Amino acid sequence: MIRRAGAVGIVLACAALALAGCGERPQVVTYKQGSYQGKPDQPPYTGAPFDGNQKEWDNALRQRNQAQNEYKRIGS
């Protein structure tokens, strides 16, 4: 009797686990045609240090890249 109750419990547990996987809803995004629904993109130089000055941002980026260049850093 105890073996039969244990087997029935295992079968019920397996059935519960199998049915638990069936409850997932589909994750489909609905798009509106022709419109972007995300955050609007802004140029990287519109931030606080540069305040919209693209030339200053370009110079700072170029200078940072040259500081990471091993040939320029070592001086060979």
C-alpha atoms as a PDB file:
ATOM      1  CA  MET A   1       0.000   0.000   0.000  1.00  0.00           C
ATOM      2  CA  ILE A   2       2.810   2.401   0.872  1.00  0.00           C
ATOM      3  CA  ARG A   3       4.616   1.683  -2.423  1.00  0.00           C
ATOM      4  CA  ARG A   4       1.465   2.391  -4.395  1.00  0.00           C
ATOM      5  CA  ALA A   5       0.932   5.735  -2.580  1.00  0.00           C
ATOM      6  CA  GLY A   6       4.548   6.702  -3.241  1.00  0.00           C
ATOM      7  CA  ALA A   7       4.235   5.847  -6.942  1.00  0.00           C
ATOM      8  CA  VAL A   8       1.002   7.809  -7.242  1.00  0.00           C
ATOM      9  CA  GLY A   9       2.683  10.789  -5.559  1.00  0.00           C
ATOM     10  CA  ILE A  10       5.598  10.662  -7.994  1.00  0.00           C
ATOM     11  CA  VAL A  11       3.246  10.459 -10.984  1.00  0.00           C
ATOM     12  CA  LEU A  12       1.203  13.401  -9.689  1.00  0.00           C
ATOM     13  CA  ALA A  13       4.353  15.452  -9.087  1.00  0.00           C
ATOM     14  CA  CYS A  14       5.601  14.743 -12.625  1.00  0.00           C
ATOM     15  CA  ALA A  15       2.208  15.659 -14.078  1.00  0.00           C
ATOM     16  CA  ALA A  16       2.180  18.924 -12.111  1.00  0.00           C
ATOM     17  CA  LEU A  17       5.660  19.810 -13.400  1.00  0.00           C
ATOM     18  CA  ALA A  18       4.689  18.975 -16.972  1.00  0.00           C
ATOM     19  CA  LEU A  19       1.581  21.147 -16.778  1.00  0.00           C
ATOM     20  CA  ALA A  20       3.479  24.031 -15.158  1.00  0.00           C
ATOM     21  CA  GLY A  21       5.500  24.521 -18.349  1.00  0.00           C
ATOM     22  CA  CYS A  22       2.333  24.948 -20.408  1.00  0.00           C
ATOM     23  CA  GLY A  23       1.260  28.120 -18.616  1.00  0.00           C
ATOM     24  CA  GLU A  24       3.759  30.472 -20.291  1.00  0.00           C
ATOM     25  CA  ARG A  25       2.232  33.288 -22.298  1.00  0.00           C
ATOM     26  CA  PRO A  26       3.680  34.233 -25.691  1.00  0.00           C
ATOM     27  CA  GLN A  27       6.032  37.212 -25.466  1.00  0.00           C
ATOM     28  CA  VAL A  28       5.263  39.058 -28.678  1.00  0.00           C
ATOM     29  CA  VAL A  29       5.842  42.780 -29.026  1.00  0.00           C
ATOM     30  CA  THR A  30       3.282  44.785 -30.929  1.00  0.00           C
ATOM     31  CA  TYR A  31       4.855  47.421 -33.153  1.00  0.00           C
ATOM     32  CA  LYS A  32       3.186  50.531 -34.454  1.00  0.00           C
ATOM     33  CA  GLN A  33       4.070  50.915 -38.105  1.00  0.00           C
ATOM     34  CA  GLY A  34       6.451  53.790 -38.794  1.00  0.00           C
ATOM     35  CA  SER A  35       7.088  54.928 -35.230  1.00  0.00           C
ATOM     36  CA  TYR A  36       9.953  54.201 -32.853  1.00  0.00           C
ATOM     37  CA  GLN A  37       8.662  53.628 -29.336  1.00  0.00           C
ATOM     38  CA  GLY A  38      11.990  53.695 -27.507  1.00  0.00           C
ATOM     39  CA  LYS A  39      14.030  56.475 -26.007  1.00  0.00           C
ATOM     40  CA  PRO A  40      15.116  59.113 -28.543  1.00  0.00           C
ATOM     41  CA  ASP A  41      18.818  59.069 -29.331  1.00  0.00           C
ATOM     42  CA  GLN A  42      20.981  62.124 -28.794  1.00  0.00           C
ATOM     43  CA  PRO A  43      24.492  62.759 -30.099  1.00  0.00           C
ATOM     44  CA  PRO A  44      27.214  61.926 -27.550  1.00  0.00           C
ATOM     45  CA  TYR A  45      28.561  65.483 -27.465  1.00  0.00           C
ATOM     46  CA  THR A  46      25.325  67.002 -26.107  1.00  0.00           C
ATOM     47  CA  GLY A  47      26.324  66.091 -22.540  1.00  0.00           C
ATOM     48  CA  ALA A  48      27.607  68.329 -19.766  1.00  0.00           C
ATOM     49  CA  PRO A  49      31.333  68.560 -20.537  1.00  0.00           C
ATOM     50  CA  PHE A  50      30.895  69.628 -24.171  1.00  0.00           C
ATOM     51  CA  ASP A  51      27.428  71.262 -24.254  1.00  0.00           C
ATOM     52  CA  GLY A  52      26.830  70.546 -27.932  1.00  0.00           C
ATOM     53  CA  ASN A  53      30.316  71.490 -29.179  1.00  0.00           C
ATOM     54  CA  GLN A  54      31.106  68.695 -31.627  1.00  0.00           C
ATOM     55  CA  LYS A  55      34.617  69.923 -32.513  1.00  0.00           C
ATOM     56  CA  GLU A  56      35.670  69.943 -28.864  1.00  0.00           C
ATOM     57  CA  TRP A  57      34.238  66.436 -28.437  1.00  0.00           C
ATOM     58  CA  ASP A  58      36.114  65.203 -31.541  1.00  0.00           C
ATOM     59  CA  ASN A  59      39.387  66.670 -30.243  1.00  0.00           C
ATOM     60  CA  ALA A  60      38.918  65.114 -26.800  1.00  0.00           C
ATOM     61  CA  LEU A  61      38.139  61.732 -28.350  1.00  0.00           C
ATOM     62  CA  ARG A  62      41.160  61.919 -30.654  1.00  0.00           C
ATOM     63  CA  GLN A  63      43.412  62.888 -27.727  1.00  0.00           C
ATOM     64  CA  ARG A  64      42.088  60.011 -25.609  1.00  0.00           C
ATOM     65  CA  ASN A  65      42.705  57.553 -28.428  1.00  0.00           C
ATOM     66  CA  GLN A  66      46.257  58.787 -28.870  1.00  0.00           C
ATOM     67  CA  ALA A  67      46.885  58.361 -25.136  1.00  0.00           C
ATOM     68  CA  GLN A  68      45.956  54.683 -25.537  1.00  0.00           C
ATOM     69  CA  ASN A  69      48.302  54.185 -28.480  1.00  0.00           C
ATOM     70  CA  GLU A  70      51.320  52.203 -27.303  1.00  0.00           C
ATOM     71  CA  TYR A  71      53.620  53.634 -29.979  1.00  0.00           C
ATOM     72  CA  LYS A  72      52.859  57.200 -28.860  1.00  0.00           C
ATOM     73  CA  ARG A  73      53.018  56.403 -25.135  1.00  0.00           C
ATOM     74  CA  ILE A  74      56.399  54.685 -25.151  1.00  0.00           C
ATOM     75  CA  GLY A  75      57.917  57.139 -27.581  1.00  0.00           C
ATOM     76  CA  SER A  76      59.552  54.714 -29.989  1.00  0.00           C
END
